[in-house]
Amino acid sequence: MKSYDVYNLILCLIVFTALTALFSYLIVRILKLTLQAIEGGLQDEHIIEEYHKQKKRKESPVIRVLDRVFPVFVCILLGVALCFSLYTKFTENNKAGSIPTLKVVETGSMEYKHKDNVYLYEYNLDDQFAMFDLIVLHPLPKEEDLKLFDTVVYKINGYYIVHRIVDIEEPNEKHPNERWFVLRGDANKQADDFPVRYSQMVSIYKGERVPFVGSFVVFMQSPAGMLCFLLVVFAVISMPIVDKKVSRAKKDRLAVLGVTQ
């Protein structure tokens, strides 16, 4: 985990702790005022009216179950999305093993076919992907198995780039012991600044992608996304407790008023 990611995580936890403390205080304060109003008789008319409406309306058991299950389901769904996003974040630049890795596309350099890249039209290379697509990356084949127009991920100056091989320089006097690969984004007019060595490559792209999902993944990876998830969990846990206390207070007040036996 990079120091920047650690900083974001610590910041998220600090903000979450502060907001949780604030919301807890507000919820407790509002709950106390509500209970005082119920016990003091300030809401008698409303409570009695609500009670009679509930008696006339028969609530379906399915609705009751959904009311309890749905918040938990949403919480689990967001939890799965968060875990998936974090897994993608911390593995997208790893070398793909037996299990393919996933990567969020961060630029538009492979989004469309530049008119000057005639090879894209000649060979019907239609596996482009857009910014914020989620792409599937596979293990890199052996160096001798890499061929012209393969799309690979390579690392340069700490950045990971997904571009297409447009030329292969076999070993020569300039580089006698290795092949050099010239890469270019499909939307770029010019090739990348420097040839790429096999040792710089991480994985290969075979055309599998999920459009637009990457924007949601990036949001869930951010402090804001993690904070939203934690606050939803907090709400799912706290609201049933508050609702139970208020319902109990209303039931006790109805008994005092002689509306229920």
C-alpha atoms as a PDB file:
ATOM      1  CA  MET A   1       0.000   0.000   0.000  1.00  0.00           C
ATOM      2  CA  LYS A   2       1.424   3.379  -1.044  1.00  0.00           C
ATOM      3  CA  SER A   3       1.913   6.157   1.504  1.00  0.00           C
ATOM      4  CA  TYR A   4      -0.732   8.225  -0.306  1.00  0.00           C
ATOM      5  CA  ASP A   5      -3.257   5.382   0.058  1.00  0.00           C
ATOM      6  CA  VAL A   6      -2.407   5.043   3.756  1.00  0.00           C
ATOM      7  CA  TYR A   7      -2.937   8.796   4.173  1.00  0.00           C
ATOM      8  CA  ASN A   8      -6.338   8.587   2.445  1.00  0.00           C
ATOM      9  CA  LEU A   9      -7.373   5.644   4.607  1.00  0.00           C
ATOM     10  CA  ILE A  10      -6.363   7.400   7.843  1.00  0.00           C
ATOM     11  CA  LEU A  11      -8.129  10.579   6.714  1.00  0.00           C
ATOM     12  CA  CYS A  12     -11.275   8.601   5.912  1.00  0.00           C
ATOM     13  CA  LEU A  13     -11.258   6.952   9.351  1.00  0.00           C
ATOM     14  CA  ILE A  14     -10.753  10.306  11.101  1.00  0.00           C
ATOM     15  CA  VAL A  15     -13.622  11.927   9.181  1.00  0.00           C
ATOM     16  CA  PHE A  16     -15.830   8.889   9.760  1.00  0.00           C
ATOM     17  CA  THR A  17     -15.120   8.952  13.501  1.00  0.00           C
ATOM     18  CA  ALA A  18     -15.906  12.672  13.700  1.00  0.00           C
ATOM     19  CA  LEU A  19     -19.127  12.361  11.667  1.00  0.00           C
ATOM     20  CA  THR A  20     -20.208   9.276  13.606  1.00  0.00           C
ATOM     21  CA  ALA A  21     -19.733  11.134  16.871  1.00  0.00           C
ATOM     22  CA  LEU A  22     -21.684  14.120  15.533  1.00  0.00           C
ATOM     23  CA  PHE A  23     -24.532  12.032  14.122  1.00  0.00           C
ATOM     24  CA  SER A  24     -24.678   9.915  17.271  1.00  0.00           C
ATOM     25  CA  TYR A  25     -25.056  13.048  19.385  1.00  0.00           C
ATOM     26  CA  LEU A  26     -27.777  14.431  17.100  1.00  0.00           C
ATOM     27  CA  ILE A  27     -29.655  11.115  16.988  1.00  0.00           C
ATOM     28  CA  VAL A  28     -29.530  10.712  20.763  1.00  0.00           C
ATOM     29  CA  ARG A  29     -30.632  14.322  21.250  1.00  0.00           C
ATOM     30  CA  ILE A  30     -33.532  14.019  18.796  1.00  0.00           C
ATOM     31  CA  LEU A  31     -34.529  10.672  20.287  1.00  0.00           C
ATOM     32  CA  LYS A  32     -34.654  12.165  23.798  1.00  0.00           C
ATOM     33  CA  LEU A  33     -36.809  15.077  22.620  1.00  0.00           C
ATOM     34  CA  THR A  34     -39.127  12.710  20.753  1.00  0.00           C
ATOM     35  CA  LEU A  35     -39.530  10.416  23.765  1.00  0.00           C
ATOM     36  CA  GLN A  36     -40.195  13.421  26.021  1.00  0.00           C
ATOM     37  CA  ALA A  37     -42.859  14.673  23.611  1.00  0.00           C
ATOM     38  CA  ILE A  38     -44.538  11.248  23.522  1.00  0.00           C
ATOM     39  CA  GLU A  39     -44.437  10.734  27.292  1.00  0.00           C
ATOM     40  CA  GLY A  40     -45.645  14.310  27.894  1.00  0.00           C
ATOM     41  CA  GLY A  41     -48.716  13.790  25.718  1.00  0.00           C
ATOM     42  CA  LEU A  42     -47.747  16.302  23.060  1.00  0.00           C
ATOM     43  CA  GLN A  43     -48.234  13.734  20.311  1.00  0.00           C
ATOM     44  CA  ASP A  44     -51.300  11.925  21.640  1.00  0.00           C
ATOM     45  CA  GLU A  45     -53.591  12.899  18.766  1.00  0.00           C
ATOM     46  CA  HIS A  46     -51.085  11.835  16.162  1.00  0.00           C
ATOM     47  CA  ILE A  47     -50.267   8.567  17.969  1.00  0.00           C
ATOM     48  CA  ILE A  48     -53.934   7.582  18.286  1.00  0.00           C
ATOM     49  CA  GLU A  49     -54.630   8.427  14.644  1.00  0.00           C
ATOM     50  CA  GLU A  50     -51.613   6.410  13.552  1.00  0.00           C
ATOM     51  CA  TYR A  51     -52.710   3.476  15.705  1.00  0.00           C
ATOM     52  CA  HIS A  52     -56.208   3.352  14.164  1.00  0.00           C
ATOM     53  CA  LYS A  53     -54.790   3.569  10.645  1.00  0.00           C
ATOM     54  CA  GLN A  54     -52.487   0.653  11.339  1.00  0.00           C
ATOM     55  CA  LYS A  55     -55.384  -1.412  12.667  1.00  0.00           C
ATOM     56  CA  LYS A  56     -57.386  -0.822   9.485  1.00  0.00           C
ATOM     57  CA  ARG A  57     -54.428  -1.511   7.236  1.00  0.00           C
ATOM     58  CA  LYS A  58     -53.224  -5.096   7.314  1.00  0.00           C
ATOM     59  CA  GLU A  59     -49.509  -5.086   6.662  1.00  0.00           C
ATOM     60  CA  SER A  60     -48.285  -7.948   4.542  1.00  0.00           C
ATOM     61  CA  PRO A  61     -45.719 -10.271   6.172  1.00  0.00           C
ATOM     62  CA  VAL A  62     -43.667  -9.910   2.995  1.00  0.00           C
ATOM     63  CA  ILE A  63     -43.507  -6.123   3.478  1.00  0.00           C
ATOM     64  CA  ARG A  64     -42.378  -6.578   7.078  1.00  0.00           C
ATOM     65  CA  VAL A  65     -39.631  -8.958   6.001  1.00  0.00           C
ATOM     66  CA  LEU A  66     -38.539  -6.606   3.201  1.00  0.00           C
ATOM     67  CA  ASP A  67     -38.385  -3.683   5.615  1.00  0.00           C
ATOM     68  CA  ARG A  68     -35.897  -5.638   7.717  1.00  0.00           C
ATOM     69  CA  VAL A  69     -33.968  -7.377   4.958  1.00  0.00           C
ATOM     70  CA  PHE A  70     -33.622  -4.576   2.399  1.00  0.00           C
ATOM     71  CA  PRO A  71     -31.311  -2.301   4.456  1.00  0.00           C
ATOM     72  CA  VAL A  72     -29.087  -5.271   5.273  1.00  0.00           C
ATOM     73  CA  PHE A  73     -29.068  -6.293   1.609  1.00  0.00           C
ATOM     74  CA  VAL A  74     -28.019  -2.770   0.566  1.00  0.00           C
ATOM     75  CA  CYS A  75     -25.291  -2.798   3.200  1.00  0.00           C
ATOM     76  CA  ILE A  76     -23.974  -6.176   1.996  1.00  0.00           C
ATOM     77  CA  LEU A  77     -24.130  -5.035  -1.633  1.00  0.00           C
ATOM     78  CA  LEU A  78     -22.127  -1.904  -0.874  1.00  0.00           C
ATOM     79  CA  GLY A  79     -19.676  -3.968   1.173  1.00  0.00           C
ATOM     80  CA  VAL A  80     -19.105  -6.319  -1.760  1.00  0.00           C
ATOM     81  CA  ALA A  81     -18.669  -3.319  -4.073  1.00  0.00           C
ATOM     82  CA  LEU A  82     -16.154  -1.762  -1.682  1.00  0.00           C
ATOM     83  CA  CYS A  83     -14.143  -4.985  -1.346  1.00  0.00           C
ATOM     84  CA  PHE A  84     -14.182  -5.438  -5.115  1.00  0.00           C
ATOM     85  CA  SER A  85     -13.011  -1.843  -5.642  1.00  0.00           C
ATOM     86  CA  LEU A  86     -10.196  -2.169  -3.116  1.00  0.00           C
ATOM     87  CA  TYR A  87      -9.140  -5.499  -4.605  1.00  0.00           C
ATOM     88  CA  THR A  88      -9.021  -3.866  -8.037  1.00  0.00           C
ATOM     89  CA  LYS A  89      -7.019  -0.936  -6.689  1.00  0.00           C
ATOM     90  CA  PHE A  90      -4.331  -3.036  -5.029  1.00  0.00           C
ATOM     91  CA  THR A  91      -4.009  -5.698  -7.742  1.00  0.00           C
ATOM     92  CA  GLU A  92      -4.580  -3.888 -11.042  1.00  0.00           C
ATOM     93  CA  ASN A  93      -0.868  -3.227 -11.567  1.00  0.00           C
ATOM     94  CA  ASN A  94       0.296  -6.662 -10.432  1.00  0.00           C
ATOM     95  CA  LYS A  95       1.403  -9.255 -12.916  1.00  0.00           C
ATOM     96  CA  ALA A  96      -1.623 -11.353 -13.767  1.00  0.00           C
ATOM     97  CA  GLY A  97      -1.363 -14.935 -12.541  1.00  0.00           C
ATOM     98  CA  SER A  98      -3.733 -17.848 -12.941  1.00  0.00           C
ATOM     99  CA  ILE A  99      -6.559 -15.469 -12.014  1.00  0.00           C
ATOM    100  CA  PRO A 100      -6.919 -12.472 -14.388  1.00  0.00           C
ATOM    101  CA  THR A 101      -6.628  -9.022 -12.858  1.00  0.00           C
ATOM    102  CA  LEU A 102      -8.868  -6.014 -13.422  1.00  0.00           C
ATOM    103  CA  LYS A 103      -7.852  -2.465 -14.227  1.00  0.00           C
ATOM    104  CA  VAL A 104      -9.749   0.805 -14.495  1.00  0.00           C
ATOM    105  CA  VAL A 105      -8.769   2.676 -17.652  1.00  0.00           C
ATOM    106  CA  GLU A 106      -7.467   6.110 -16.673  1.00  0.00           C
ATOM    107  CA  THR A 107      -7.000   7.796 -20.078  1.00  0.00           C
ATOM    108  CA  GLY A 108      -8.679   7.959 -23.468  1.00  0.00           C
ATOM    109  CA  SER A 109      -5.626   6.954 -25.513  1.00  0.00           C
ATOM    110  CA  MET A 110      -7.319   3.707 -26.637  1.00  0.00           C
ATOM    111  CA  GLU A 111     -10.840   5.091 -26.947  1.00  0.00           C
ATOM    112  CA  TYR A 112     -11.145   5.322 -30.735  1.00  0.00           C
ATOM    113  CA  LYS A 113      -9.268   4.703 -33.974  1.00  0.00           C
ATOM    114  CA  HIS A 114      -7.152   7.634 -35.083  1.00  0.00           C
ATOM    115  CA  LYS A 115      -7.529   8.132 -38.821  1.00  0.00           C
ATOM    116  CA  ASP A 116      -3.752   8.004 -39.359  1.00  0.00           C
ATOM    117  CA  ASN A 117      -3.464   4.540 -37.763  1.00  0.00           C
ATOM    118  CA  VAL A 118      -4.465   2.738 -40.936  1.00  0.00           C
ATOM    119  CA  TYR A 119      -3.461  -0.688 -39.597  1.00  0.00           C
ATOM    120  CA  LEU A 120      -6.456  -0.550 -37.247  1.00  0.00           C
ATOM    121  CA  TYR A 121      -8.783  -0.489 -40.252  1.00  0.00           C
ATOM    122  CA  GLU A 122      -6.773  -2.883 -42.402  1.00  0.00           C
ATOM    123  CA  TYR A 123      -6.748  -5.607 -39.747  1.00  0.00           C
ATOM    124  CA  ASN A 124     -10.179  -4.827 -38.236  1.00  0.00           C
ATOM    125  CA  LEU A 125      -8.767  -4.144 -34.792  1.00  0.00           C
ATOM    126  CA  ASP A 126     -11.956  -3.236 -32.932  1.00  0.00           C
ATOM    127  CA  ASP A 127     -11.019  -3.958 -29.306  1.00  0.00           C
ATOM    128  CA  GLN A 128     -10.782  -0.324 -28.207  1.00  0.00           C
ATOM    129  CA  PHE A 129     -11.821   0.752 -24.707  1.00  0.00           C
ATOM    130  CA  ALA A 130     -12.745   4.094 -23.172  1.00  0.00           C
ATOM    131  CA  MET A 131     -11.747   5.966 -20.057  1.00  0.00           C
ATOM    132  CA  PHE A 132     -13.360   4.448 -16.938  1.00  0.00           C
ATOM    133  CA  ASP A 133     -13.989   1.105 -18.615  1.00  0.00           C
ATOM    134  CA  LEU A 134     -13.034  -1.885 -16.480  1.00  0.00           C
ATOM    135  CA  ILE A 135     -10.766  -4.174 -18.488  1.00  0.00           C
ATOM    136  CA  VAL A 136      -9.652  -7.749 -17.834  1.00  0.00           C
ATOM    137  CA  LEU A 137      -5.908  -8.421 -17.979  1.00  0.00           C
ATOM    138  CA  HIS A 138      -4.339 -11.835 -18.551  1.00  0.00           C
ATOM    139  CA  PRO A 139      -0.877 -13.287 -17.844  1.00  0.00           C
ATOM    140  CA  LEU A 140       1.779 -12.018 -20.197  1.00  0.00           C
ATOM    141  CA  PRO A 141       2.850 -14.674 -22.746  1.00  0.00           C
ATOM    142  CA  LYS A 142       6.474 -15.503 -23.363  1.00  0.00           C
ATOM    143  CA  GLU A 143       8.446 -12.804 -25.134  1.00  0.00           C
ATOM    144  CA  GLU A 144       8.705 -14.805 -28.351  1.00  0.00           C
ATOM    145  CA  ASP A 145       4.931 -15.317 -28.347  1.00  0.00           C
ATOM    146  CA  LEU A 146       4.133 -11.601 -28.326  1.00  0.00           C
ATOM    147  CA  LYS A 147       3.066 -10.467 -31.757  1.00  0.00           C
ATOM    148  CA  LEU A 148       2.272  -7.336 -33.679  1.00  0.00           C
ATOM    149  CA  PHE A 149      -0.932  -5.532 -32.584  1.00  0.00           C
ATOM    150  CA  ASP A 150      -1.168  -7.229 -29.168  1.00  0.00           C
ATOM    151  CA  THR A 151      -2.319  -4.817 -26.470  1.00  0.00           C
ATOM    152  CA  VAL A 152      -0.197  -4.951 -23.323  1.00  0.00           C
ATOM    153  CA  VAL A 153       0.285  -3.151 -20.024  1.00  0.00           C
ATOM    154  CA  TYR A 154       3.757  -1.806 -19.348  1.00  0.00           C
ATOM    155  CA  LYS A 155       5.339   0.295 -16.622  1.00  0.00           C
ATOM    156  CA  ILE A 156       7.353   3.453 -17.172  1.00  0.00           C
ATOM    157  CA  ASN A 157       8.338   6.090 -14.600  1.00  0.00           C
ATOM    158  CA  GLY A 158       5.927   4.617 -12.063  1.00  0.00           C
ATOM    159  CA  TYR A 159       2.925   4.742 -14.435  1.00  0.00           C
ATOM    160  CA  TYR A 160       1.122   1.799 -16.041  1.00  0.00           C
ATOM    161  CA  ILE A 161       0.096   2.260 -19.664  1.00  0.00           C
ATOM    162  CA  VAL A 162      -2.143   0.056 -21.823  1.00  0.00           C
ATOM    163  CA  HIS A 163      -1.184   0.426 -25.489  1.00  0.00           C
ATOM    164  CA  ARG A 164      -0.907  -1.624 -28.659  1.00  0.00           C
ATOM    165  CA  ILE A 165       2.292  -3.060 -30.119  1.00  0.00           C
ATOM    166  CA  VAL A 166       2.723  -1.419 -33.531  1.00  0.00           C
ATOM    167  CA  ASP A 167       6.278  -2.504 -34.331  1.00  0.00           C
ATOM    168  CA  ILE A 168       8.807  -5.050 -33.067  1.00  0.00           C
ATOM    169  CA  GLU A 169      12.538  -4.490 -33.430  1.00  0.00           C
ATOM    170  CA  GLU A 170      14.389  -7.784 -33.385  1.00  0.00           C
ATOM    171  CA  PRO A 171      17.843  -7.912 -31.696  1.00  0.00           C
ATOM    172  CA  ASN A 172      20.405  -5.907 -33.616  1.00  0.00           C
ATOM    173  CA  GLU A 173      23.651  -4.019 -33.049  1.00  0.00           C
ATOM    174  CA  LYS A 174      21.860  -1.396 -30.986  1.00  0.00           C
ATOM    175  CA  HIS A 175      20.198  -3.926 -28.667  1.00  0.00           C
ATOM    176  CA  PRO A 176      21.765  -7.332 -29.368  1.00  0.00           C
ATOM    177  CA  ASN A 177      20.243  -9.273 -26.481  1.00  0.00           C
ATOM    178  CA  GLU A 178      16.593  -8.233 -26.494  1.00  0.00           C
ATOM    179  CA  ARG A 179      13.645  -7.273 -28.627  1.00  0.00           C
ATOM    180  CA  TRP A 180      12.282  -3.747 -28.494  1.00  0.00           C
ATOM    181  CA  PHE A 181       8.575  -3.117 -28.807  1.00  0.00           C
ATOM    182  CA  VAL A 182       7.111   0.100 -30.194  1.00  0.00           C
ATOM    183  CA  LEU A 183       3.696   0.866 -28.708  1.00  0.00           C
ATOM    184  CA  ARG A 184       0.973   3.379 -29.487  1.00  0.00           C
ATOM    185  CA  GLY A 185      -2.500   4.194 -28.248  1.00  0.00           C
ATOM    186  CA  ASP A 186      -5.150   3.668 -30.931  1.00  0.00           C
ATOM    187  CA  ALA A 187      -6.318   7.265 -30.473  1.00  0.00           C
ATOM    188  CA  ASN A 188      -2.769   8.664 -30.673  1.00  0.00           C
ATOM    189  CA  LYS A 189      -1.172   9.894 -33.883  1.00  0.00           C
ATOM    190  CA  GLN A 190       2.355   9.106 -32.732  1.00  0.00           C
ATOM    191  CA  ALA A 191       3.991   6.143 -31.049  1.00  0.00           C
ATOM    192  CA  ASP A 192       5.065   6.256 -27.401  1.00  0.00           C
ATOM    193  CA  ASP A 193       8.268   8.201 -26.733  1.00  0.00           C
ATOM    194  CA  PHE A 194      10.509   5.218 -26.001  1.00  0.00           C
ATOM    195  CA  PRO A 195      10.637   1.575 -27.077  1.00  0.00           C
ATOM    196  CA  VAL A 196       9.447  -0.881 -24.434  1.00  0.00           C
ATOM    197  CA  ARG A 197      11.344  -3.929 -23.212  1.00  0.00           C
ATOM    198  CA  TYR A 198       9.661  -7.181 -22.289  1.00  0.00           C
ATOM    199  CA  SER A 199      10.830  -6.746 -18.677  1.00  0.00           C
ATOM    200  CA  GLN A 200       8.678  -3.602 -18.419  1.00  0.00           C
ATOM    201  CA  MET A 201       5.501  -5.426 -19.409  1.00  0.00           C
ATOM    202  CA  VAL A 202       3.008  -6.644 -16.834  1.00  0.00           C
ATOM    203  CA  SER A 203       0.047  -8.265 -18.588  1.00  0.00           C
ATOM    204  CA  ILE A 204      -1.899  -8.506 -21.837  1.00  0.00           C
ATOM    205  CA  TYR A 205      -5.395  -7.326 -22.800  1.00  0.00           C
ATOM    206  CA  LYS A 206      -7.551  -9.675 -24.901  1.00  0.00           C
ATOM    207  CA  GLY A 207     -10.613  -7.528 -25.534  1.00  0.00           C
ATOM    208  CA  GLU A 208     -12.665  -8.240 -22.398  1.00  0.00           C
ATOM    209  CA  ARG A 209     -14.114  -5.126 -20.774  1.00  0.00           C
ATOM    210  CA  VAL A 210     -17.093  -3.785 -18.836  1.00  0.00           C
ATOM    211  CA  PRO A 211     -18.024  -0.265 -20.022  1.00  0.00           C
ATOM    212  CA  PHE A 212     -18.357   2.634 -17.549  1.00  0.00           C
ATOM    213  CA  VAL A 213     -18.148   0.484 -14.393  1.00  0.00           C
ATOM    214  CA  GLY A 214     -14.728   1.915 -13.637  1.00  0.00           C
ATOM    215  CA  SER A 215     -16.171   5.275 -12.592  1.00  0.00           C
ATOM    216  CA  PHE A 216     -18.101   3.572  -9.785  1.00  0.00           C
ATOM    217  CA  VAL A 217     -15.033   1.518  -8.846  1.00  0.00           C
ATOM    218  CA  VAL A 218     -12.907   4.676  -8.652  1.00  0.00           C
ATOM    219  CA  PHE A 219     -15.524   6.366  -6.465  1.00  0.00           C
ATOM    220  CA  MET A 220     -15.634   3.406  -4.071  1.00  0.00           C
ATOM    221  CA  GLN A 221     -11.826   3.458  -3.898  1.00  0.00           C
ATOM    222  CA  SER A 222     -11.836   7.120  -2.884  1.00  0.00           C
ATOM    223  CA  PRO A 223     -12.158   8.415   0.704  1.00  0.00           C
ATOM    224  CA  ALA A 224     -15.619   9.731  -0.202  1.00  0.00           C
ATOM    225  CA  GLY A 225     -16.752   6.282  -1.362  1.00  0.00           C
ATOM    226  CA  MET A 226     -15.410   4.539   1.738  1.00  0.00           C
ATOM    227  CA  LEU A 227     -16.978   7.217   3.921  1.00  0.00           C
ATOM    228  CA  CYS A 228     -20.370   6.747   2.242  1.00  0.00           C
ATOM    229  CA  PHE A 229     -20.168   3.005   2.851  1.00  0.00           C
ATOM    230  CA  LEU A 230     -19.310   3.424   6.525  1.00  0.00           C
ATOM    231  CA  LEU A 231     -22.111   5.957   7.028  1.00  0.00           C
ATOM    232  CA  VAL A 232     -24.626   3.606   5.388  1.00  0.00           C
ATOM    233  CA  VAL A 233     -23.520   0.844   7.766  1.00  0.00           C
ATOM    234  CA  PHE A 234     -23.906   3.253  10.674  1.00  0.00           C
ATOM    235  CA  ALA A 235     -27.440   4.165   9.521  1.00  0.00           C
ATOM    236  CA  VAL A 236     -28.441   0.516   9.035  1.00  0.00           C
ATOM    237  CA  ILE A 237     -27.317  -0.289  12.583  1.00  0.00           C
ATOM    238  CA  SER A 238     -28.654   2.814  14.363  1.00  0.00           C
ATOM    239  CA  MET A 239     -32.050   3.412  12.740  1.00  0.00           C
ATOM    240  CA  PRO A 240     -33.708   0.115  13.835  1.00  0.00           C
ATOM    241  CA  ILE A 241     -32.584   0.839  17.424  1.00  0.00           C
ATOM    242  CA  VAL A 242     -34.117   4.319  17.298  1.00  0.00           C
ATOM    243  CA  ASP A 243     -37.314   3.040  15.662  1.00  0.00           C
ATOM    244  CA  LYS A 244     -37.690   0.320  18.306  1.00  0.00           C
ATOM    245  CA  LYS A 245     -37.375   2.816  21.175  1.00  0.00           C
ATOM    246  CA  VAL A 246     -39.892   5.216  19.612  1.00  0.00           C
ATOM    247  CA  SER A 247     -42.347   2.378  18.885  1.00  0.00           C
ATOM    248  CA  ARG A 248     -42.059   1.162  22.469  1.00  0.00           C
ATOM    249  CA  ALA A 249     -42.707   4.658  23.808  1.00  0.00           C
ATOM    250  CA  LYS A 250     -45.799   5.043  21.597  1.00  0.00           C
ATOM    251  CA  LYS A 251     -47.137   1.656  22.704  1.00  0.00           C
ATOM    252  CA  ASP A 252     -46.671   2.564  26.369  1.00  0.00           C
ATOM    253  CA  ARG A 253     -48.401   5.913  25.835  1.00  0.00           C
ATOM    254  CA  LEU A 254     -51.363   4.243  24.112  1.00  0.00           C
ATOM    255  CA  ALA A 255     -51.674   1.912  27.103  1.00  0.00           C
ATOM    256  CA  VAL A 256     -51.700   4.901  29.474  1.00  0.00           C
ATOM    257  CA  LEU A 257     -54.438   6.514  27.373  1.00  0.00           C
ATOM    258  CA  GLY A 258     -56.478   3.297  27.496  1.00  0.00           C
ATOM    259  CA  VAL A 259     -56.487   2.936  23.718  1.00  0.00           C
ATOM    260  CA  THR A 260     -54.874  -0.523  23.884  1.00  0.00           C
ATOM    261  CA  GLN A 261     -55.399  -3.197  26.477  1.00  0.00           C
END
